[in-house]
């Protein structure tokens, strides 16, 4: 490590210790755990910089610590570098960005597939819910966040990407090619399994989905169909507001869900009063 990098690490450690010390002196006891954590982090960082067997890449070390901190909260919390976040925003805002139709999460430390949209590139490639991605485009997912995985999977229409998939009951990854596509809003799949029973398979909860389901239910009632099975097994994406509106079509009483947080007032979502 060059002299400038060493000075930078020492200054960072000094700043962490100084912040923790000032907080303690000012008597901010409510943040005592946070100050203690900062002190421990500074000590570990300094130990790694001074005593590790090789000269460590401190940028990689600190980025890894941030990844670990956020992923310890839940599977959807993750850290993106400024460059990765800029790329993520650009792809999100670009109407021409193609995707794979996969909804992802983290499990066992790796990226896992929660659901696959029907007729999507993921389905065509044979990817199924529960599959684990050992690597994406040659990069291991062991220390990869969901945001980083989506950055890799999304791209230009017609371009391909390789993923190493671990199937249930198998230990050896299988390499699969997925070709990105621009995906339309997935349609509801309706099927009569009995003259009086209708099955509605809901692939996603995009905007307007609750109204579409309501119309399907009204049409079914006109056809003397009074039993409906709602298949949500592969429904892994959509808007919370659509989920609440859909639940209100079926739940007559009680509490549908609640919203709580450190910085928001608790909200309770009851069934609709106008049924």
C-alpha atoms as a PDB file:
ATOM      1  CA  UNK A   1       0.000   0.000   0.000  1.00  0.00           C
ATOM      2  CA  UNK A   2       1.407   3.398  -0.936  1.00  0.00           C
ATOM      3  CA  UNK A   3       2.025   6.193   1.554  1.00  0.00           C
ATOM      4  CA  UNK A   4      -1.067   8.205   0.553  1.00  0.00           C
ATOM      5  CA  UNK A   5      -3.355   5.188   1.082  1.00  0.00           C
ATOM      6  CA  UNK A   6      -1.857   4.504   4.504  1.00  0.00           C
ATOM      7  CA  UNK A   7      -2.392   8.114   5.525  1.00  0.00           C
ATOM      8  CA  UNK A   8      -6.000   7.912   4.304  1.00  0.00           C
ATOM      9  CA  UNK A   9      -6.689   4.791   6.383  1.00  0.00           C
ATOM     10  CA  UNK A  10      -5.161   6.375   9.480  1.00  0.00           C
ATOM     11  CA  UNK A  11      -7.237   9.518   8.997  1.00  0.00           C
ATOM     12  CA  UNK A  12     -10.402   7.441   8.569  1.00  0.00           C
ATOM     13  CA  UNK A  13      -9.663   5.498  11.736  1.00  0.00           C
ATOM     14  CA  UNK A  14      -8.918   8.735  13.601  1.00  0.00           C
ATOM     15  CA  UNK A  15     -12.194  10.232  12.412  1.00  0.00           C
ATOM     16  CA  UNK A  16     -14.134   7.169  13.593  1.00  0.00           C
ATOM     17  CA  UNK A  17     -12.480   7.183  17.012  1.00  0.00           C
ATOM     18  CA  UNK A  18     -12.941  10.954  17.275  1.00  0.00           C
ATOM     19  CA  UNK A  19     -16.633  10.758  16.396  1.00  0.00           C
ATOM     20  CA  UNK A  20     -17.193   8.015  18.938  1.00  0.00           C
ATOM     21  CA  UNK A  21     -15.260   9.929  21.606  1.00  0.00           C
ATOM     22  CA  UNK A  22     -17.090  13.212  21.015  1.00  0.00           C
ATOM     23  CA  UNK A  23     -20.441  11.426  21.151  1.00  0.00           C
ATOM     24  CA  UNK A  24     -19.539   9.864  24.450  1.00  0.00           C
ATOM     25  CA  UNK A  25     -18.297  13.171  25.907  1.00  0.00           C
ATOM     26  CA  UNK A  26     -21.483  14.949  24.892  1.00  0.00           C
ATOM     27  CA  UNK A  27     -23.483  12.352  26.794  1.00  0.00           C
ATOM     28  CA  UNK A  28     -25.499  11.014  23.862  1.00  0.00           C
ATOM     29  CA  UNK A  29     -26.322   7.829  25.737  1.00  0.00           C
ATOM     30  CA  UNK A  30     -29.186   6.902  23.404  1.00  0.00           C
ATOM     31  CA  UNK A  31     -26.609   6.318  20.644  1.00  0.00           C
ATOM     32  CA  UNK A  32     -24.150   4.474  22.877  1.00  0.00           C
ATOM     33  CA  UNK A  33     -24.460   1.207  20.943  1.00  0.00           C
ATOM     34  CA  UNK A  34     -23.793   2.994  17.660  1.00  0.00           C
ATOM     35  CA  UNK A  35     -20.656   4.662  19.038  1.00  0.00           C
ATOM     36  CA  UNK A  36     -19.386   1.356  20.410  1.00  0.00           C
ATOM     37  CA  UNK A  37     -19.964  -0.275  17.017  1.00  0.00           C
ATOM     38  CA  UNK A  38     -18.029   2.494  15.289  1.00  0.00           C
ATOM     39  CA  UNK A  39     -15.168   2.049  17.729  1.00  0.00           C
ATOM     40  CA  UNK A  40     -15.033  -1.695  17.087  1.00  0.00           C
ATOM     41  CA  UNK A  41     -15.184  -1.101  13.314  1.00  0.00           C
ATOM     42  CA  UNK A  42     -12.294   1.357  13.524  1.00  0.00           C
ATOM     43  CA  UNK A  43     -10.223  -1.074  15.571  1.00  0.00           C
ATOM     44  CA  UNK A  44     -10.813  -3.946  13.150  1.00  0.00           C
ATOM     45  CA  UNK A  45     -10.056  -1.744  10.143  1.00  0.00           C
ATOM     46  CA  UNK A  46      -6.785  -0.633  11.703  1.00  0.00           C
ATOM     47  CA  UNK A  47      -5.840  -4.232  12.601  1.00  0.00           C
ATOM     48  CA  UNK A  48      -6.482  -5.402   9.029  1.00  0.00           C
ATOM     49  CA  UNK A  49      -4.441  -2.525   7.616  1.00  0.00           C
ATOM     50  CA  UNK A  50      -1.503  -3.142   9.980  1.00  0.00           C
ATOM     51  CA  UNK A  51      -1.396  -6.893  10.631  1.00  0.00           C
ATOM     52  CA  UNK A  52      -2.927  -8.770   7.678  1.00  0.00           C
ATOM     53  CA  UNK A  53      -0.470 -11.185   6.042  1.00  0.00           C
ATOM     54  CA  UNK A  54      -0.577  -9.321   2.702  1.00  0.00           C
ATOM     55  CA  UNK A  55      -1.014  -5.656   1.888  1.00  0.00           C
ATOM     56  CA  UNK A  56      -4.844  -5.494   1.712  1.00  0.00           C
ATOM     57  CA  UNK A  57      -6.915  -3.611  -0.846  1.00  0.00           C
ATOM     58  CA  UNK A  58      -8.691  -1.347   1.636  1.00  0.00           C
ATOM     59  CA  UNK A  59     -11.269  -0.216  -0.933  1.00  0.00           C
ATOM     60  CA  UNK A  60     -12.354  -3.853  -1.329  1.00  0.00           C
ATOM     61  CA  UNK A  61     -12.261  -4.379   2.443  1.00  0.00           C
ATOM     62  CA  UNK A  62     -14.496  -1.387   3.232  1.00  0.00           C
ATOM     63  CA  UNK A  63     -16.900  -2.171   0.350  1.00  0.00           C
ATOM     64  CA  UNK A  64     -17.208  -5.740   1.649  1.00  0.00           C
ATOM     65  CA  UNK A  65     -17.961  -4.497   5.157  1.00  0.00           C
ATOM     66  CA  UNK A  66     -20.747  -2.249   3.817  1.00  0.00           C
ATOM     67  CA  UNK A  67     -22.217  -5.172   1.849  1.00  0.00           C
ATOM     68  CA  UNK A  68     -22.226  -7.337   4.951  1.00  0.00           C
ATOM     69  CA  UNK A  69     -23.740  -4.627   7.150  1.00  0.00           C
ATOM     70  CA  UNK A  70     -26.743  -4.054   4.874  1.00  0.00           C
ATOM     71  CA  UNK A  71     -27.336  -7.694   3.962  1.00  0.00           C
ATOM     72  CA  UNK A  72     -27.476  -8.548   7.674  1.00  0.00           C
ATOM     73  CA  UNK A  73     -30.682  -6.475   7.848  1.00  0.00           C
ATOM     74  CA  UNK A  74     -32.734  -8.459   5.300  1.00  0.00           C
ATOM     75  CA  UNK A  75     -32.369 -10.091   1.888  1.00  0.00           C
ATOM     76  CA  UNK A  76     -33.521  -6.994  -0.025  1.00  0.00           C
ATOM     77  CA  UNK A  77     -31.215  -4.475   1.659  1.00  0.00           C
ATOM     78  CA  UNK A  78     -27.947  -4.067  -0.213  1.00  0.00           C
ATOM     79  CA  UNK A  79     -25.066  -1.721  -0.904  1.00  0.00           C
ATOM     80  CA  UNK A  80     -24.258  -0.370  -4.370  1.00  0.00           C
ATOM     81  CA  UNK A  81     -21.162   1.636  -5.176  1.00  0.00           C
ATOM     82  CA  UNK A  82     -21.764   5.065  -6.766  1.00  0.00           C
ATOM     83  CA  UNK A  83     -20.976   3.589 -10.201  1.00  0.00           C
ATOM     84  CA  UNK A  84     -23.306   0.621  -9.679  1.00  0.00           C
ATOM     85  CA  UNK A  85     -26.094   2.856  -8.401  1.00  0.00           C
ATOM     86  CA  UNK A  86     -25.731   5.174 -11.391  1.00  0.00           C
ATOM     87  CA  UNK A  87     -25.938   2.172 -13.735  1.00  0.00           C
ATOM     88  CA  UNK A  88     -28.986   0.852 -11.851  1.00  0.00           C
ATOM     89  CA  UNK A  89     -30.836   4.184 -12.190  1.00  0.00           C
ATOM     90  CA  UNK A  90     -30.007   4.493 -15.886  1.00  0.00           C
ATOM     91  CA  UNK A  91     -31.321   1.011 -16.670  1.00  0.00           C
ATOM     92  CA  UNK A  92     -34.435   1.633 -14.576  1.00  0.00           C
ATOM     93  CA  UNK A  93     -35.183   4.900 -16.403  1.00  0.00           C
ATOM     94  CA  UNK A  94     -34.387   3.527 -19.884  1.00  0.00           C
ATOM     95  CA  UNK A  95     -37.575   2.290 -21.564  1.00  0.00           C
ATOM     96  CA  UNK A  96     -35.433   0.196 -23.908  1.00  0.00           C
ATOM     97  CA  UNK A  97     -33.876  -1.913 -21.152  1.00  0.00           C
ATOM     98  CA  UNK A  98     -34.677  -5.610 -21.519  1.00  0.00           C
ATOM     99  CA  UNK A  99     -34.884  -8.113 -18.679  1.00  0.00           C
ATOM    100  CA  UNK A 100     -35.129 -11.807 -17.897  1.00  0.00           C
ATOM    101  CA  UNK A 101     -38.482 -11.993 -16.067  1.00  0.00           C
ATOM    102  CA  UNK A 102     -36.860 -13.190 -12.847  1.00  0.00           C
ATOM    103  CA  UNK A 103     -37.649 -11.983  -9.324  1.00  0.00           C
ATOM    104  CA  UNK A 104     -34.629 -12.484  -7.076  1.00  0.00           C
ATOM    105  CA  UNK A 105     -33.689 -12.615  -3.416  1.00  0.00           C
ATOM    106  CA  UNK A 106     -30.792 -13.860  -1.251  1.00  0.00           C
ATOM    107  CA  UNK A 107     -30.638 -17.209   0.511  1.00  0.00           C
ATOM    108  CA  UNK A 108     -27.752 -19.281   1.850  1.00  0.00           C
ATOM    109  CA  UNK A 109     -25.557 -16.306   0.898  1.00  0.00           C
ATOM    110  CA  UNK A 110     -26.334 -16.687  -2.824  1.00  0.00           C
ATOM    111  CA  UNK A 111     -28.814 -15.182  -5.283  1.00  0.00           C
ATOM    112  CA  UNK A 112     -31.999 -17.274  -5.481  1.00  0.00           C
ATOM    113  CA  UNK A 113     -34.959 -17.142  -7.889  1.00  0.00           C
ATOM    114  CA  UNK A 114     -38.250 -16.339  -6.165  1.00  0.00           C
ATOM    115  CA  UNK A 115     -40.467 -16.392  -9.245  1.00  0.00           C
ATOM    116  CA  UNK A 116     -40.345 -16.491 -13.045  1.00  0.00           C
ATOM    117  CA  UNK A 117     -42.803 -14.676 -15.315  1.00  0.00           C
ATOM    118  CA  UNK A 118     -44.556 -16.937 -17.846  1.00  0.00           C
ATOM    119  CA  UNK A 119     -43.247 -16.730 -21.433  1.00  0.00           C
ATOM    120  CA  UNK A 120     -40.223 -14.756 -20.208  1.00  0.00           C
ATOM    121  CA  UNK A 121     -36.546 -15.381 -21.064  1.00  0.00           C
ATOM    122  CA  UNK A 122     -36.168 -17.078 -17.679  1.00  0.00           C
ATOM    123  CA  UNK A 123     -38.979 -19.529 -18.459  1.00  0.00           C
ATOM    124  CA  UNK A 124     -37.606 -20.226 -21.945  1.00  0.00           C
ATOM    125  CA  UNK A 125     -34.191 -20.966 -20.417  1.00  0.00           C
ATOM    126  CA  UNK A 126     -35.756 -23.509 -18.047  1.00  0.00           C
ATOM    127  CA  UNK A 127     -35.146 -21.491 -14.873  1.00  0.00           C
ATOM    128  CA  UNK A 128     -37.583 -22.271 -12.073  1.00  0.00           C
ATOM    129  CA  UNK A 129     -38.562 -20.863  -8.696  1.00  0.00           C
ATOM    130  CA  UNK A 130     -36.095 -22.057  -6.059  1.00  0.00           C
ATOM    131  CA  UNK A 131     -33.106 -22.243  -8.406  1.00  0.00           C
ATOM    132  CA  UNK A 132     -29.875 -20.812  -6.966  1.00  0.00           C
ATOM    133  CA  UNK A 133     -27.506 -18.757  -9.099  1.00  0.00           C
ATOM    134  CA  UNK A 134     -23.935 -19.756  -8.269  1.00  0.00           C
ATOM    135  CA  UNK A 135     -22.649 -17.126 -10.694  1.00  0.00           C
ATOM    136  CA  UNK A 136     -23.924 -14.515 -13.161  1.00  0.00           C
ATOM    137  CA  UNK A 137     -21.814 -13.614 -16.189  1.00  0.00           C
ATOM    138  CA  UNK A 138     -18.859 -15.333 -14.541  1.00  0.00           C
ATOM    139  CA  UNK A 139     -19.138 -13.387 -11.260  1.00  0.00           C
ATOM    140  CA  UNK A 140     -19.872 -15.414  -8.141  1.00  0.00           C
ATOM    141  CA  UNK A 141     -23.068 -14.370  -6.356  1.00  0.00           C
ATOM    142  CA  UNK A 142     -21.656 -15.334  -2.940  1.00  0.00           C
ATOM    143  CA  UNK A 143     -21.017 -11.667  -2.088  1.00  0.00           C
ATOM    144  CA  UNK A 144     -23.401 -10.167  -4.650  1.00  0.00           C
ATOM    145  CA  UNK A 145     -26.427  -8.070  -3.716  1.00  0.00           C
ATOM    146  CA  UNK A 146     -29.813  -8.351  -5.444  1.00  0.00           C
ATOM    147  CA  UNK A 147     -29.238  -4.901  -6.969  1.00  0.00           C
ATOM    148  CA  UNK A 148     -25.908  -5.988  -8.435  1.00  0.00           C
ATOM    149  CA  UNK A 149     -27.502  -9.148  -9.860  1.00  0.00           C
ATOM    150  CA  UNK A 150     -30.250  -7.118 -11.545  1.00  0.00           C
ATOM    151  CA  UNK A 151     -27.623  -4.756 -12.997  1.00  0.00           C
ATOM    152  CA  UNK A 152     -25.983  -7.760 -14.648  1.00  0.00           C
ATOM    153  CA  UNK A 153     -29.186  -9.465 -15.799  1.00  0.00           C
ATOM    154  CA  UNK A 154     -30.810  -6.397 -17.365  1.00  0.00           C
ATOM    155  CA  UNK A 155     -29.455  -5.015 -20.634  1.00  0.00           C
ATOM    156  CA  UNK A 156     -30.027  -4.565 -24.353  1.00  0.00           C
ATOM    157  CA  UNK A 157     -32.820  -6.604 -26.029  1.00  0.00           C
ATOM    158  CA  UNK A 158     -31.541  -9.695 -27.813  1.00  0.00           C
ATOM    159  CA  UNK A 159     -28.300  -9.919 -25.850  1.00  0.00           C
ATOM    160  CA  UNK A 160     -27.501 -12.999 -23.803  1.00  0.00           C
ATOM    161  CA  UNK A 161     -26.028 -13.658 -20.391  1.00  0.00           C
ATOM    162  CA  UNK A 162     -24.732 -16.868 -18.805  1.00  0.00           C
ATOM    163  CA  UNK A 163     -25.855 -17.972 -15.355  1.00  0.00           C
ATOM    164  CA  UNK A 164     -24.632 -20.996 -13.393  1.00  0.00           C
ATOM    165  CA  UNK A 165     -27.744 -22.591 -11.878  1.00  0.00           C
ATOM    166  CA  UNK A 166     -27.854 -25.016  -8.959  1.00  0.00           C
ATOM    167  CA  UNK A 167     -31.052 -27.073  -9.139  1.00  0.00           C
ATOM    168  CA  UNK A 168     -32.828 -28.639  -6.198  1.00  0.00           C
ATOM    169  CA  UNK A 169     -31.192 -31.900  -5.235  1.00  0.00           C
ATOM    170  CA  UNK A 170     -28.057 -31.225  -7.290  1.00  0.00           C
ATOM    171  CA  UNK A 171     -24.666 -29.963  -6.154  1.00  0.00           C
ATOM    172  CA  UNK A 172     -23.069 -29.191  -9.521  1.00  0.00           C
ATOM    173  CA  UNK A 173     -24.042 -25.907 -11.244  1.00  0.00           C
ATOM    174  CA  UNK A 174     -25.493 -26.055 -14.746  1.00  0.00           C
ATOM    175  CA  UNK A 175     -24.554 -23.236 -17.114  1.00  0.00           C
ATOM    176  CA  UNK A 176     -27.601 -21.681 -18.789  1.00  0.00           C
ATOM    177  CA  UNK A 177     -27.855 -18.992 -21.475  1.00  0.00           C
ATOM    178  CA  UNK A 178     -30.620 -16.394 -20.975  1.00  0.00           C
ATOM    179  CA  UNK A 179     -31.505 -13.981 -23.800  1.00  0.00           C
ATOM    180  CA  UNK A 180     -32.892 -10.650 -22.596  1.00  0.00           C
ATOM    181  CA  UNK A 181     -36.244  -9.411 -23.957  1.00  0.00           C
ATOM    182  CA  UNK A 182     -38.557  -6.431 -23.587  1.00  0.00           C
ATOM    183  CA  UNK A 183     -41.477  -7.858 -21.642  1.00  0.00           C
ATOM    184  CA  UNK A 184     -45.100  -6.751 -21.908  1.00  0.00           C
ATOM    185  CA  UNK A 185     -47.311  -6.737 -18.823  1.00  0.00           C
ATOM    186  CA  UNK A 186     -48.018 -10.437 -18.156  1.00  0.00           C
ATOM    187  CA  UNK A 187     -51.623 -11.508 -18.653  1.00  0.00           C
ATOM    188  CA  UNK A 188     -53.898 -13.275 -16.208  1.00  0.00           C
ATOM    189  CA  UNK A 189     -54.342 -16.928 -17.146  1.00  0.00           C
ATOM    190  CA  UNK A 190     -57.957 -18.072 -16.653  1.00  0.00           C
ATOM    191  CA  UNK A 191     -59.088 -21.688 -16.766  1.00  0.00           C
ATOM    192  CA  UNK A 192     -62.328 -23.450 -15.905  1.00  0.00           C
ATOM    193  CA  UNK A 193     -61.582 -26.684 -14.076  1.00  0.00           C
ATOM    194  CA  UNK A 194     -65.272 -27.359 -13.427  1.00  0.00           C
ATOM    195  CA  UNK A 195     -68.504 -25.706 -14.633  1.00  0.00           C
ATOM    196  CA  UNK A 196     -68.676 -23.938 -11.266  1.00  0.00           C
ATOM    197  CA  UNK A 197     -64.941 -23.399 -10.594  1.00  0.00           C
ATOM    198  CA  UNK A 198     -62.629 -20.839 -12.213  1.00  0.00           C
ATOM    199  CA  UNK A 199     -58.857 -20.728 -11.666  1.00  0.00           C
ATOM    200  CA  UNK A 200     -57.144 -17.347 -12.080  1.00  0.00           C
ATOM    201  CA  UNK A 201     -53.363 -17.492 -12.241  1.00  0.00           C
ATOM    202  CA  UNK A 202     -51.936 -14.071 -11.333  1.00  0.00           C
ATOM    203  CA  UNK A 203     -48.323 -13.692 -12.593  1.00  0.00           C
ATOM    204  CA  UNK A 204     -47.804 -10.166 -11.221  1.00  0.00           C
ATOM    205  CA  UNK A 205     -49.577  -7.286  -9.485  1.00  0.00           C
ATOM    206  CA  UNK A 206     -48.889  -4.491 -11.950  1.00  0.00           C
ATOM    207  CA  UNK A 207     -50.889  -1.258 -12.035  1.00  0.00           C
ATOM    208  CA  UNK A 208     -54.560  -1.907 -12.797  1.00  0.00           C
ATOM    209  CA  UNK A 209     -54.419  -5.597 -11.894  1.00  0.00           C
ATOM    210  CA  UNK A 210     -57.047  -5.370  -9.128  1.00  0.00           C
ATOM    211  CA  UNK A 211     -59.579  -3.815 -11.522  1.00  0.00           C
ATOM    212  CA  UNK A 212     -58.839  -6.558 -14.046  1.00  0.00           C
ATOM    213  CA  UNK A 213     -59.445  -9.248 -11.430  1.00  0.00           C
ATOM    214  CA  UNK A 214     -62.694  -7.535 -10.390  1.00  0.00           C
ATOM    215  CA  UNK A 215     -63.916  -7.591 -13.987  1.00  0.00           C
ATOM    216  CA  UNK A 216     -62.999 -11.273 -14.287  1.00  0.00           C
ATOM    217  CA  UNK A 217     -65.001 -12.033 -11.153  1.00  0.00           C
ATOM    218  CA  UNK A 218     -68.030 -10.137 -12.472  1.00  0.00           C
ATOM    219  CA  UNK A 219     -67.868 -12.021 -15.775  1.00  0.00           C
ATOM    220  CA  UNK A 220     -67.593 -15.321 -13.911  1.00  0.00           C
ATOM    221  CA  UNK A 221     -70.676 -14.486 -11.841  1.00  0.00           C
ATOM    222  CA  UNK A 222     -72.654 -13.791 -15.021  1.00  0.00           C
ATOM    223  CA  UNK A 223     -71.666 -17.264 -16.231  1.00  0.00           C
ATOM    224  CA  UNK A 224     -72.938 -18.825 -12.971  1.00  0.00           C
ATOM    225  CA  UNK A 225     -69.423 -19.517 -11.739  1.00  0.00           C
ATOM    226  CA  UNK A 226     -69.392 -18.989  -7.972  1.00  0.00           C
ATOM    227  CA  UNK A 227     -66.084 -20.595  -6.933  1.00  0.00           C
ATOM    228  CA  UNK A 228     -62.720 -19.027  -7.739  1.00  0.00           C
ATOM    229  CA  UNK A 229     -59.215 -20.307  -7.059  1.00  0.00           C
ATOM    230  CA  UNK A 230     -56.626 -17.517  -7.034  1.00  0.00           C
ATOM    231  CA  UNK A 231     -53.222 -18.943  -7.985  1.00  0.00           C
ATOM    232  CA  UNK A 232     -50.483 -16.612  -6.665  1.00  0.00           C
ATOM    233  CA  UNK A 233     -47.653 -19.148  -6.482  1.00  0.00           C
ATOM    234  CA  UNK A 234     -45.443 -17.398  -9.068  1.00  0.00           C
ATOM    235  CA  UNK A 235     -46.570 -13.859  -8.257  1.00  0.00           C
ATOM    236  CA  UNK A 236     -43.385 -12.242  -6.986  1.00  0.00           C
ATOM    237  CA  UNK A 237     -43.566  -8.675  -8.285  1.00  0.00           C
ATOM    238  CA  UNK A 238     -45.934  -5.722  -8.387  1.00  0.00           C
ATOM    239  CA  UNK A 239     -47.228  -2.839  -6.335  1.00  0.00           C
ATOM    240  CA  UNK A 240     -48.301  -3.008  -2.706  1.00  0.00           C
ATOM    241  CA  UNK A 241     -51.368  -0.870  -3.483  1.00  0.00           C
ATOM    242  CA  UNK A 242     -52.520  -3.436  -6.068  1.00  0.00           C
ATOM    243  CA  UNK A 243     -52.015  -6.265  -3.579  1.00  0.00           C
ATOM    244  CA  UNK A 244     -54.179  -4.453  -1.020  1.00  0.00           C
ATOM    245  CA  UNK A 245     -56.880  -3.665  -3.594  1.00  0.00           C
ATOM    246  CA  UNK A 246     -56.885  -7.306  -4.734  1.00  0.00           C
ATOM    247  CA  UNK A 247     -57.164  -8.607  -1.166  1.00  0.00           C
ATOM    248  CA  UNK A 248     -60.140  -6.296  -0.605  1.00  0.00           C
ATOM    249  CA  UNK A 249     -62.038  -8.208  -3.307  1.00  0.00           C
ATOM    250  CA  UNK A 250     -61.968 -11.360  -1.158  1.00  0.00           C
ATOM    251  CA  UNK A 251     -61.541 -10.396   2.516  1.00  0.00           C
ATOM    252  CA  UNK A 252     -64.765  -9.088   4.112  1.00  0.00           C
ATOM    253  CA  UNK A 253     -63.505  -8.134   7.574  1.00  0.00           C
ATOM    254  CA  UNK A 254     -60.514  -7.808   9.872  1.00  0.00           C
ATOM    255  CA  UNK A 255     -57.153  -6.212   9.039  1.00  0.00           C
ATOM    256  CA  UNK A 256     -55.495  -6.825   5.692  1.00  0.00           C
ATOM    257  CA  UNK A 257     -52.046  -5.530   6.606  1.00  0.00           C
ATOM    258  CA  UNK A 258     -50.221  -2.838   8.538  1.00  0.00           C
ATOM    259  CA  UNK A 259     -47.359  -0.502   7.683  1.00  0.00           C
ATOM    260  CA  UNK A 260     -44.843   0.379  10.380  1.00  0.00           C
ATOM    261  CA  UNK A 261     -41.444   2.021  10.424  1.00  0.00           C
ATOM    262  CA  UNK A 262     -39.081   4.141  12.475  1.00  0.00           C
ATOM    263  CA  UNK A 263     -39.854   7.307  10.516  1.00  0.00           C
ATOM    264  CA  UNK A 264     -43.492   6.738   9.451  1.00  0.00           C
ATOM    265  CA  UNK A 265     -46.720   6.666  11.399  1.00  0.00           C
ATOM    266  CA  UNK A 266     -48.308   3.218  11.675  1.00  0.00           C
ATOM    267  CA  UNK A 267     -51.001   2.627   9.061  1.00  0.00           C
ATOM    268  CA  UNK A 268     -53.692  -0.050   9.149  1.00  0.00           C
ATOM    269  CA  UNK A 269     -55.318  -1.224   5.919  1.00  0.00           C
ATOM    270  CA  UNK A 270     -58.822  -2.621   6.482  1.00  0.00           C
ATOM    271  CA  UNK A 271     -61.034  -4.302   3.876  1.00  0.00           C
ATOM    272  CA  UNK A 272     -63.022  -1.920   1.695  1.00  0.00           C
ATOM    273  CA  UNK A 273     -66.210  -0.539   3.217  1.00  0.00           C
ATOM    274  CA  UNK A 274     -67.913  -0.436  -0.177  1.00  0.00           C
ATOM    275  CA  UNK A 275     -68.265  -4.102  -1.074  1.00  0.00           C
END
